[in-house]
Protein backbone atom coordinates (compact mmCIF):
# COMPACT_ATOMS: atom_id res chain seq x y z
CA UNK A 1 112.44 -17.36 201.23
CA UNK A 2 113.82 -14.53 203.20
CA UNK A 3 113.51 -11.04 201.83
CA UNK A 4 116.65 -8.83 201.40
CA UNK A 5 116.50 -6.37 204.28
CA UNK A 6 118.45 -3.23 204.99
CA UNK A 7 121.32 -3.88 207.31
CA UNK A 8 122.99 -1.81 209.93
CA UNK A 9 126.14 -1.82 212.11
CA UNK A 10 126.59 0.15 215.34
CA UNK A 11 129.96 1.58 216.58
CA UNK A 12 130.18 2.63 220.21
CA UNK A 13 133.07 5.04 220.75
CA UNK A 14 134.62 5.67 224.13
CA UNK A 15 137.40 4.45 226.55
CA UNK A 16 134.82 4.96 229.36
CA UNK A 17 132.78 2.14 227.91
CA UNK A 18 135.70 -0.24 227.50
CA UNK A 19 136.84 0.57 231.16
CA UNK A 20 133.45 -0.32 232.54
CA UNK A 21 132.90 3.14 233.96
CA UNK A 22 130.05 3.83 231.63
CA UNK A 23 127.28 1.20 230.75
CA UNK A 24 126.39 1.15 227.07
CA UNK A 25 122.58 1.39 226.84
CA UNK A 26 122.56 3.07 223.33
CA UNK A 27 123.09 0.08 221.30
CA UNK A 28 120.23 -1.77 222.97
CA UNK A 29 117.88 1.15 222.40
CA UNK A 30 119.09 1.48 218.84
CA UNK A 31 118.59 -2.20 218.09
CA UNK A 32 115.08 -2.10 219.38
CA UNK A 33 114.18 0.87 217.29
CA UNK A 34 115.85 -0.66 214.12
CA UNK A 35 113.87 -3.90 214.68
CA UNK A 36 110.62 -2.01 215.06
CA UNK A 37 110.97 -0.74 211.47
CA UNK A 38 112.41 -3.90 209.91
CA UNK A 39 116.15 -3.16 209.77
CA UNK A 40 118.51 -5.85 210.82
CA UNK A 41 121.48 -4.99 213.08
CA UNK A 42 124.33 -7.25 212.03
CA UNK A 43 127.25 -6.06 214.20
CA UNK A 44 128.01 -3.97 217.29
CA UNK A 45 131.59 -2.93 218.00
CA UNK A 46 133.01 -0.84 220.91
CA UNK A 47 136.32 1.10 220.10
CA UNK A 48 138.74 3.32 221.80
CA UNK A 49 139.10 7.10 221.40
CA UNK A 50 141.91 6.57 218.92
CA UNK A 51 141.70 8.13 215.48
CA UNK A 52 143.12 5.29 213.42
CA UNK A 53 140.94 2.79 215.21
CA UNK A 54 137.75 4.86 214.57
CA UNK A 55 138.68 5.41 210.90
CA UNK A 56 139.44 1.71 210.32
CA UNK A 57 136.14 0.64 212.01
CA UNK A 58 133.98 3.27 210.19
CA UNK A 59 135.44 2.40 206.73
CA UNK A 60 134.91 -1.32 207.36
CA UNK A 61 131.33 -0.90 208.52
CA UNK A 62 130.23 1.64 205.78
CA UNK A 63 131.17 -0.88 203.14
CA UNK A 64 129.41 -3.68 204.77
CA UNK A 65 126.07 -2.18 205.92
CA UNK A 66 123.40 0.09 204.53
CA UNK A 67 123.31 2.14 207.73
CA UNK A 68 126.17 2.78 210.20
CA UNK A 69 125.47 4.47 213.59
CA UNK A 70 128.13 5.79 215.90
CA UNK A 71 127.61 7.08 219.43
CA UNK A 72 130.08 9.04 221.64
CA UNK A 73 133.03 11.31 221.16
CA UNK A 74 131.37 14.39 219.64
CA UNK A 75 131.52 16.59 222.77
CA UNK A 76 133.82 19.53 223.74
CA UNK A 77 136.65 17.71 225.51
CA UNK A 78 140.13 16.77 224.17
CA UNK A 79 139.30 13.15 223.76
CA UNK A 80 136.10 13.86 221.65
CA UNK A 81 137.70 12.97 218.25
CA UNK A 82 134.84 11.16 216.43
CA UNK A 83 133.83 14.01 214.05
CA UNK A 84 137.47 14.63 212.96
CA UNK A 85 138.11 10.86 212.67
CA UNK A 86 135.04 10.39 210.32
CA UNK A 87 136.26 13.36 208.20
CA UNK A 88 139.61 11.44 207.84
CA UNK A 89 137.78 8.19 207.04
CA UNK A 90 136.00 9.91 204.19
CA UNK A 91 138.99 11.92 203.18
CA UNK A 92 136.84 15.02 203.68
CA UNK A 93 137.84 18.52 205.00
CA UNK A 94 137.29 19.14 208.64
CA UNK A 95 135.71 22.57 208.83
CA UNK A 96 133.68 24.96 210.95
CA UNK A 97 130.08 24.34 210.02
CA UNK A 98 128.32 27.76 209.87
CA UNK A 99 124.83 26.50 210.69
CA UNK A 100 126.09 24.55 213.69
CA UNK A 101 127.98 27.46 214.96
CA UNK A 102 124.87 29.72 214.67
CA UNK A 103 122.84 27.25 216.64
CA UNK A 104 125.49 27.07 219.37
CA UNK A 105 125.88 30.87 219.49
CA UNK A 106 122.17 31.22 220.00
CA UNK A 107 122.03 28.49 222.57
CA UNK A 108 124.87 30.07 224.60
CA UNK A 109 123.67 33.56 224.06
CA UNK A 110 123.67 34.30 227.90
CA UNK A 111 127.04 32.50 228.31
CA UNK A 112 130.39 32.32 226.70
CA UNK A 113 130.80 30.39 223.49
CA UNK A 114 134.17 29.05 224.59
CA UNK A 115 136.62 27.43 222.22
CA UNK A 116 135.66 24.09 223.76
CA UNK A 117 132.01 24.60 222.92
CA UNK A 118 132.74 25.78 219.47
CA UNK A 119 134.68 22.61 218.88
CA UNK A 120 131.33 20.92 218.58
CA UNK A 121 130.53 22.91 215.47
CA UNK A 122 133.60 21.49 213.57
CA UNK A 123 132.45 18.78 211.12
CA UNK A 124 133.21 17.11 207.80
CA UNK A 125 132.54 19.53 205.00
CA UNK A 126 129.92 17.35 203.45
CA UNK A 127 128.05 16.56 206.61
CA UNK A 128 124.34 17.08 207.00
CA UNK A 129 123.19 18.12 210.53
CA UNK A 130 121.06 15.89 212.77
CA UNK A 131 119.01 18.03 215.10
CA UNK A 132 119.65 17.94 218.82
CA UNK A 133 116.65 19.61 220.59
CA UNK A 134 118.23 19.02 224.10
CA UNK A 135 121.78 20.41 224.22
CA UNK A 136 121.77 21.88 220.60
CA UNK A 137 125.14 20.58 219.47
CA UNK A 138 124.19 18.56 216.43
CA UNK A 139 125.05 15.08 215.27
CA UNK A 140 125.55 14.56 211.60
CA UNK A 141 125.28 12.23 208.57
CA UNK A 142 127.82 11.67 205.93
CA UNK A 143 126.63 9.20 203.25
CA UNK A 144 125.43 6.13 205.18
CA UNK A 145 127.21 6.96 208.42
CA UNK A 146 125.12 8.68 211.10
CA UNK A 147 126.91 10.21 214.11
CA UNK A 148 125.24 10.72 217.46
CA UNK A 149 126.32 11.81 220.92
CA UNK A 150 126.87 9.19 223.63
CA UNK A 151 124.75 10.66 226.41
CA UNK A 152 121.78 8.29 226.50
CA UNK A 153 118.95 10.69 227.17
CA UNK A 154 120.15 13.03 224.36
CA UNK A 155 120.83 10.07 221.97
CA UNK A 156 117.49 8.53 222.51
CA UNK A 157 115.55 11.77 221.72
CA UNK A 158 117.66 12.39 218.62
CA UNK A 159 117.57 8.84 217.45
CA UNK A 160 113.80 8.56 217.79
CA UNK A 161 113.35 11.66 215.56
CA UNK A 162 115.92 10.44 213.05
CA UNK A 163 114.43 6.94 212.73
CA UNK A 164 111.11 8.52 211.59
CA UNK A 165 113.05 9.87 208.60
CA UNK A 166 114.24 6.51 207.54
CA UNK A 167 110.76 5.24 206.96
CA UNK A 168 109.23 1.88 207.87
CA UNK A 169 110.72 -1.08 206.10
CA UNK A 170 109.07 -4.51 206.01
CA UNK A 171 108.45 -5.51 209.51
CA UNK A 172 109.43 -8.85 211.12
CA UNK A 173 106.80 -11.34 212.20
CA UNK A 174 107.57 -12.57 215.69
CA UNK A 175 106.14 -14.90 218.38
CA UNK A 176 107.15 -16.24 221.72
CA UNK A 177 106.54 -19.69 223.12
CA UNK A 178 107.39 -20.23 226.79
CA UNK A 179 107.81 -23.60 228.44
CA UNK A 180 108.72 -24.88 231.87
CA UNK A 181 111.02 -27.71 230.70
CA UNK A 182 114.77 -27.13 230.36
CA UNK A 183 116.48 -26.68 226.91
CA UNK A 184 118.20 -30.06 227.12
CA UNK A 185 114.83 -31.80 226.74
CA UNK A 186 113.68 -30.02 223.52
CA UNK A 187 117.06 -28.72 221.98
CA UNK A 188 117.59 -31.52 219.53
CA UNK A 189 114.06 -31.52 218.27
CA UNK A 190 114.01 -27.62 217.87
CA UNK A 191 117.37 -28.03 216.07
CA UNK A 192 115.85 -30.32 213.51
CA UNK A 193 112.91 -27.90 213.06
CA UNK A 194 115.41 -25.05 212.49
CA UNK A 195 117.23 -27.10 209.90
CA UNK A 196 114.05 -27.82 208.12
CA UNK A 197 112.81 -24.37 208.08
CA UNK A 198 116.02 -22.18 207.53
CA UNK A 199 114.08 -19.05 206.67
CA UNK A 200 112.78 -18.99 210.23
CA UNK A 201 114.91 -17.73 213.11
CA UNK A 202 114.52 -19.71 216.37
CA UNK A 203 116.17 -18.38 219.55
CA UNK A 204 116.18 -20.13 222.95
CA UNK A 205 116.51 -17.94 226.03
CA UNK A 206 116.33 -19.48 229.66
CA UNK A 207 114.84 -17.22 232.28
CA UNK A 208 114.28 -17.14 236.02
CA UNK A 209 111.20 -15.33 237.30
CA UNK A 210 109.50 -15.46 240.66
CA UNK A 211 111.60 -18.39 241.80
CA UNK A 212 110.49 -20.38 238.74
CA UNK A 213 112.62 -21.52 235.73
CA UNK A 214 111.49 -21.43 232.16
CA UNK A 215 112.58 -21.04 228.59
CA UNK A 216 111.48 -18.44 225.98
CA UNK A 217 111.55 -19.57 222.37
CA UNK A 218 111.66 -16.35 220.16
CA UNK A 219 110.57 -17.30 216.65
CA UNK A 220 110.96 -14.74 213.83
CA UNK A 221 110.19 -14.84 210.07
CA UNK A 222 109.57 -12.60 207.10
CA UNK A 223 106.51 -14.84 206.31
CA UNK A 224 103.65 -14.81 208.72
CA UNK A 225 102.36 -18.08 207.26
CA UNK A 226 105.78 -19.76 207.86
CA UNK A 227 105.97 -18.41 211.32
CA UNK A 228 102.59 -19.87 212.24
CA UNK A 229 103.61 -23.19 210.86
CA UNK A 230 106.82 -23.46 212.85
CA UNK A 231 105.12 -22.18 216.05
CA UNK A 232 102.39 -24.86 215.66
CA UNK A 233 104.91 -27.61 215.29
CA UNK A 234 106.99 -26.48 218.37
CA UNK A 235 103.98 -25.80 220.44
CA UNK A 236 102.51 -29.24 219.90
CA UNK A 237 105.97 -31.01 220.66
CA UNK A 238 106.30 -29.06 223.97
CA UNK A 239 102.69 -29.73 224.84
CA UNK A 240 103.27 -33.46 224.27
CA UNK A 241 106.39 -33.24 226.62
CA UNK A 242 104.16 -31.67 229.39
CA UNK A 243 106.18 -28.44 228.99
CA UNK A 244 103.07 -26.39 229.62
CA UNK A 245 103.73 -24.13 226.61
CA UNK A 246 102.30 -20.70 226.27
CA UNK A 247 102.13 -18.67 223.06
CA UNK A 248 102.39 -14.90 222.81
């Protein structure tokens, strides 16, 4: 029987991602970090820099998931509207955060704290700051919504520290079986195994490496005993089919 895990959704905000100008690596990094501590990512969405679109998506996600993460749109430019949009989503006031302003003022002590830079200190009134040790401009949390910048290097450092505060949930048990035979040979059998053991997740992923073809079967479960049972069944079948299976 599957345990009830905490769930999450990721919202990537930015026209530059949708246009293909910027490659989104943040969701991949975040999914890996969440998986490490036992939180399931259920959905990833990429939206435009449009207030009503962001508001609608945030309100939808925060009702469905335990954790909502957004990246992008909290910088100093005119199209960085994520912070204001989230204030609207929560029907909260959009105000100058004194602590955020103080941090920015100190950071730009030798330079001019321009109106554009000060824009990054405007947040929903109920927001709690998320530290940014790189460029200082903070992210923030509001209830179950956690807002991060879109720049990958900054995002990764901030997220890594933030994840530590969530605390480790119950980890997934996972194993990988590789085989040299194509999916069409074993797909029907593995499908039957999946149906018999619905509390185990079986994913099939073809790969090409060093001019050779193969398939990786990623098998996950909340139960280590159940995982071992299913892996043993599939391994023996692939071995019988001369698939040269390897278990990791």
